[in-house]
Amino acid sequence: MFMLPAQRRAKVQGEEVSWGKTPWLLLVGGGVALLCLTLGMLALHDGEPPWSLYTPPHMENGHIMPSEFSDPAESTLPPVQKK
C-alpha cells in the first residue's frame, strides 16, 4: 500500500519507478515493532486477573449456567459431584 501512491507520483513526475528504492528494512522493522507492541498490550491488558477464580459451565435446576470469573474472596463454588 505504501508503494502504490509513490509509484504513481514518480511516474507522473517522470522519475524512475523502482521497487529497489523502497525502504524495506524500515517498513519490515516498523511492522514487527507494531506487532510486538500490539501482542504485548493484548497480553497485559486483556482478560481477567490471574488470581480470579474460573467457574466452568454447569447445570443448576435443569438450566445450563454460563462460565464466569469471580474474585476468590466472594465466590461460592458449586458443589462437586463425585461419581
N, C-alpha and C. Protein backbone atom coordinates (compact mmCIF):
# COMPACT_ATOMS: atom_id res chain seq x y z
N MET A 1 0.83 -1.19 0.00
CA MET A 1 0.00 0.00 0.00
C MET A 1 0.87 1.25 0.00
N PHE A 2 2.01 1.17 0.63
CA PHE A 2 2.91 2.31 0.66
C PHE A 2 3.42 2.64 -0.74
N MET A 3 3.69 1.60 -1.52
CA MET A 3 4.35 1.81 -2.81
C MET A 3 3.43 2.31 -3.91
N LEU A 4 2.15 1.99 -3.86
CA LEU A 4 1.27 2.38 -4.97
C LEU A 4 1.21 3.89 -5.20
N PRO A 5 0.94 4.70 -4.19
CA PRO A 5 0.95 6.15 -4.43
C PRO A 5 2.33 6.66 -4.82
N ALA A 6 3.37 6.09 -4.22
CA ALA A 6 4.73 6.53 -4.56
C ALA A 6 5.06 6.19 -6.01
N GLN A 7 4.63 5.03 -6.47
CA GLN A 7 4.88 4.63 -7.86
C GLN A 7 4.15 5.57 -8.82
N ARG A 8 2.89 5.88 -8.52
CA ARG A 8 2.12 6.80 -9.38
C ARG A 8 2.73 8.19 -9.41
N ARG A 9 3.11 8.68 -8.22
CA ARG A 9 3.70 10.01 -8.14
C ARG A 9 5.00 10.08 -8.93
N ALA A 10 5.83 9.05 -8.83
CA ALA A 10 7.10 9.03 -9.56
C ALA A 10 6.86 8.99 -11.06
N LYS A 11 5.86 8.21 -11.49
CA LYS A 11 5.57 8.11 -12.93
C LYS A 11 5.08 9.45 -13.47
N VAL A 12 4.23 10.17 -12.71
CA VAL A 12 3.72 11.47 -13.14
C VAL A 12 4.84 12.49 -13.21
N GLN A 13 5.76 12.45 -12.28
CA GLN A 13 6.86 13.41 -12.25
C GLN A 13 7.98 13.04 -13.21
N GLY A 14 7.86 11.91 -13.88
CA GLY A 14 8.86 11.49 -14.85
C GLY A 14 10.11 10.87 -14.23
N GLU A 15 10.02 10.49 -12.97
CA GLU A 15 11.16 9.87 -12.31
C GLU A 15 11.15 8.37 -12.53
N GLU A 16 12.25 7.75 -12.18
CA GLU A 16 12.37 6.30 -12.31
C GLU A 16 11.45 5.61 -11.30
N VAL A 17 10.68 4.64 -11.79
CA VAL A 17 9.80 3.86 -10.94
C VAL A 17 10.53 2.58 -10.57
N SER A 18 10.87 2.45 -9.27
CA SER A 18 11.68 1.32 -8.87
C SER A 18 11.25 0.80 -7.51
N TRP A 19 11.14 -0.53 -7.43
CA TRP A 19 10.86 -1.16 -6.14
C TRP A 19 12.13 -1.20 -5.31
N GLY A 20 13.26 -1.06 -5.93
CA GLY A 20 14.53 -1.09 -5.21
C GLY A 20 14.73 0.11 -4.30
N LYS A 21 14.04 1.21 -4.57
CA LYS A 21 14.19 2.41 -3.74
C LYS A 21 13.30 2.37 -2.49
N THR A 22 12.51 1.34 -2.37
CA THR A 22 11.61 1.23 -1.22
C THR A 22 12.40 0.92 0.04
N PRO A 23 12.13 1.61 1.14
CA PRO A 23 12.85 1.35 2.39
C PRO A 23 12.32 0.08 3.08
N TRP A 24 12.63 -1.08 2.52
CA TRP A 24 12.09 -2.34 3.00
C TRP A 24 12.45 -2.62 4.45
N LEU A 25 13.68 -2.34 4.82
CA LEU A 25 14.11 -2.61 6.19
C LEU A 25 13.31 -1.77 7.18
N LEU A 26 13.08 -0.52 6.85
CA LEU A 26 12.30 0.36 7.71
C LEU A 26 10.85 -0.11 7.79
N LEU A 27 10.24 -0.50 6.68
CA LEU A 27 8.86 -0.97 6.67
C LEU A 27 8.69 -2.28 7.44
N VAL A 28 9.59 -3.22 7.22
CA VAL A 28 9.51 -4.50 7.93
C VAL A 28 9.78 -4.30 9.42
N GLY A 29 10.78 -3.50 9.75
CA GLY A 29 11.08 -3.22 11.15
C GLY A 29 9.91 -2.53 11.86
N GLY A 30 9.27 -1.58 11.19
CA GLY A 30 8.11 -0.92 11.76
C GLY A 30 6.95 -1.88 11.96
N GLY A 31 6.74 -2.79 10.99
CA GLY A 31 5.68 -3.79 11.11
C GLY A 31 5.92 -4.75 12.26
N VAL A 32 7.16 -5.20 12.42
CA VAL A 32 7.49 -6.11 13.52
C VAL A 32 7.34 -5.40 14.87
N ALA A 33 7.77 -4.15 14.93
CA ALA A 33 7.64 -3.38 16.18
C ALA A 33 6.16 -3.19 16.53
N LEU A 34 5.34 -2.87 15.55
CA LEU A 34 3.91 -2.70 15.80
C LEU A 34 3.26 -4.01 16.22
N LEU A 35 3.66 -5.12 15.62
CA LEU A 35 3.15 -6.43 16.01
C LEU A 35 3.51 -6.76 17.45
N CYS A 36 4.78 -6.53 17.82
CA CYS A 36 5.21 -6.81 19.19
C CYS A 36 4.48 -5.93 20.20
N LEU A 37 4.30 -4.67 19.88
CA LEU A 37 3.58 -3.75 20.76
C LEU A 37 2.13 -4.19 20.93
N THR A 38 1.49 -4.57 19.83
CA THR A 38 0.09 -5.00 19.89
C THR A 38 -0.07 -6.27 20.71
N LEU A 39 0.77 -7.27 20.47
CA LEU A 39 0.68 -8.52 21.21
C LEU A 39 1.02 -8.33 22.69
N GLY A 40 1.98 -7.48 22.98
CA GLY A 40 2.33 -7.19 24.36
C GLY A 40 1.20 -6.50 25.10
N MET A 41 0.58 -5.52 24.48
CA MET A 41 -0.54 -4.83 25.12
C MET A 41 -1.73 -5.76 25.30
N LEU A 42 -1.97 -6.61 24.34
CA LEU A 42 -3.07 -7.57 24.44
C LEU A 42 -2.82 -8.55 25.58
N ALA A 43 -1.59 -9.00 25.73
CA ALA A 43 -1.27 -9.95 26.80
C ALA A 43 -1.37 -9.29 28.18
N LEU A 44 -1.01 -8.03 28.28
CA LEU A 44 -1.01 -7.36 29.58
C LEU A 44 -2.36 -6.80 30.00
N HIS A 45 -3.18 -6.41 29.04
CA HIS A 45 -4.40 -5.68 29.38
C HIS A 45 -5.69 -6.38 28.96
N ASP A 46 -5.66 -7.67 28.72
CA ASP A 46 -6.85 -8.37 28.29
C ASP A 46 -7.14 -9.51 29.25
N GLY A 47 -8.39 -9.78 29.45
CA GLY A 47 -8.77 -10.91 30.27
C GLY A 47 -8.93 -10.56 31.73
N GLU A 48 -9.00 -11.58 32.52
CA GLU A 48 -9.22 -11.44 33.95
C GLU A 48 -7.89 -11.47 34.70
N PRO A 49 -7.88 -10.97 35.93
CA PRO A 49 -6.65 -11.04 36.72
C PRO A 49 -6.24 -12.49 36.97
N PRO A 50 -4.96 -12.76 37.13
CA PRO A 50 -4.50 -14.14 37.29
C PRO A 50 -5.03 -14.81 38.56
N TRP A 51 -5.41 -14.05 39.58
CA TRP A 51 -5.89 -14.65 40.83
C TRP A 51 -7.39 -14.91 40.82
N SER A 52 -8.08 -14.53 39.73
CA SER A 52 -9.53 -14.75 39.70
C SER A 52 -9.86 -16.23 39.55
N LEU A 53 -11.02 -16.59 40.00
CA LEU A 53 -11.47 -17.97 40.04
C LEU A 53 -12.38 -18.24 38.84
N TYR A 54 -12.08 -19.27 38.07
CA TYR A 54 -12.88 -19.64 36.90
C TYR A 54 -13.87 -20.73 37.29
N THR A 55 -15.13 -20.48 37.02
CA THR A 55 -16.16 -21.49 37.23
C THR A 55 -16.66 -21.92 35.85
N PRO A 56 -16.46 -23.17 35.47
CA PRO A 56 -16.87 -23.63 34.14
C PRO A 56 -18.41 -23.72 34.06
N PRO A 57 -18.95 -23.86 32.86
CA PRO A 57 -20.39 -24.02 32.72
C PRO A 57 -20.86 -25.26 33.49
N HIS A 58 -22.01 -25.14 34.11
CA HIS A 58 -22.53 -26.25 34.90
C HIS A 58 -24.07 -26.20 34.90
N MET A 59 -24.67 -27.29 35.34
CA MET A 59 -26.13 -27.40 35.40
C MET A 59 -26.62 -27.00 36.79
N GLU A 60 -27.64 -26.15 36.83
CA GLU A 60 -28.33 -25.81 38.07
C GLU A 60 -29.83 -25.84 37.80
N ASN A 61 -30.55 -26.68 38.51
CA ASN A 61 -32.01 -26.78 38.39
C ASN A 61 -32.44 -27.01 36.94
N GLY A 62 -31.70 -27.81 36.20
CA GLY A 62 -32.06 -28.13 34.83
C GLY A 62 -31.66 -27.09 33.80
N HIS A 63 -30.98 -26.04 34.22
CA HIS A 63 -30.53 -24.99 33.29
C HIS A 63 -29.02 -24.97 33.25
N ILE A 64 -28.48 -24.70 32.07
CA ILE A 64 -27.03 -24.59 31.93
C ILE A 64 -26.62 -23.17 32.32
N MET A 65 -25.79 -23.08 33.33
CA MET A 65 -25.28 -21.79 33.79
C MET A 65 -23.96 -21.51 33.05
N PRO A 66 -23.78 -20.29 32.54
CA PRO A 66 -22.56 -19.99 31.79
C PRO A 66 -21.33 -19.93 32.69
N SER A 67 -20.19 -20.02 32.06
CA SER A 67 -18.93 -19.91 32.81
C SER A 67 -18.76 -18.47 33.27
N GLU A 68 -17.93 -18.29 34.32
CA GLU A 68 -17.69 -16.95 34.83
C GLU A 68 -16.38 -16.90 35.59
N PHE A 69 -15.86 -15.68 35.70
CA PHE A 69 -14.69 -15.41 36.52
C PHE A 69 -15.17 -14.63 37.73
N SER A 70 -14.62 -14.91 38.88
CA SER A 70 -15.02 -14.19 40.08
C SER A 70 -13.82 -14.06 41.01
N ASP A 71 -13.99 -13.16 41.98
CA ASP A 71 -12.96 -12.94 42.99
C ASP A 71 -13.03 -14.10 43.98
N PRO A 72 -11.92 -14.76 44.29
CA PRO A 72 -11.96 -15.91 45.20
C PRO A 72 -12.53 -15.58 46.58
N ALA A 73 -12.38 -14.34 47.06
CA ALA A 73 -12.85 -13.98 48.39
C ALA A 73 -14.37 -13.98 48.48
N GLU A 74 -15.05 -13.63 47.39
CA GLU A 74 -16.50 -13.54 47.42
C GLU A 74 -17.18 -14.63 46.60
N SER A 75 -16.48 -15.68 46.30
CA SER A 75 -17.02 -16.73 45.46
C SER A 75 -17.53 -17.90 46.27
N THR A 76 -18.62 -18.49 45.76
CA THR A 76 -19.10 -19.75 46.31
C THR A 76 -19.05 -20.77 45.18
N LEU A 77 -18.32 -21.83 45.43
CA LEU A 77 -18.16 -22.85 44.40
C LEU A 77 -19.39 -23.74 44.33
N PRO A 78 -19.77 -24.16 43.13
CA PRO A 78 -20.85 -25.13 43.04
C PRO A 78 -20.39 -26.44 43.64
N PRO A 79 -21.30 -27.23 44.19
CA PRO A 79 -20.90 -28.50 44.80
C PRO A 79 -20.30 -29.44 43.78
N VAL A 80 -19.26 -30.15 44.18
CA VAL A 80 -18.59 -31.11 43.31
C VAL A 80 -19.31 -32.44 43.45
N GLN A 81 -19.74 -33.00 42.34
CA GLN A 81 -20.44 -34.29 42.36
C GLN A 81 -19.43 -35.38 42.11
N LYS A 82 -19.33 -36.28 43.03
CA LYS A 82 -18.41 -37.41 42.87
C LYS A 82 -19.19 -38.60 42.32
N LYS A 83 -18.54 -39.33 41.48
CA LYS A 83 -19.20 -40.48 40.85
C LYS A 83 -18.89 -41.76 41.58
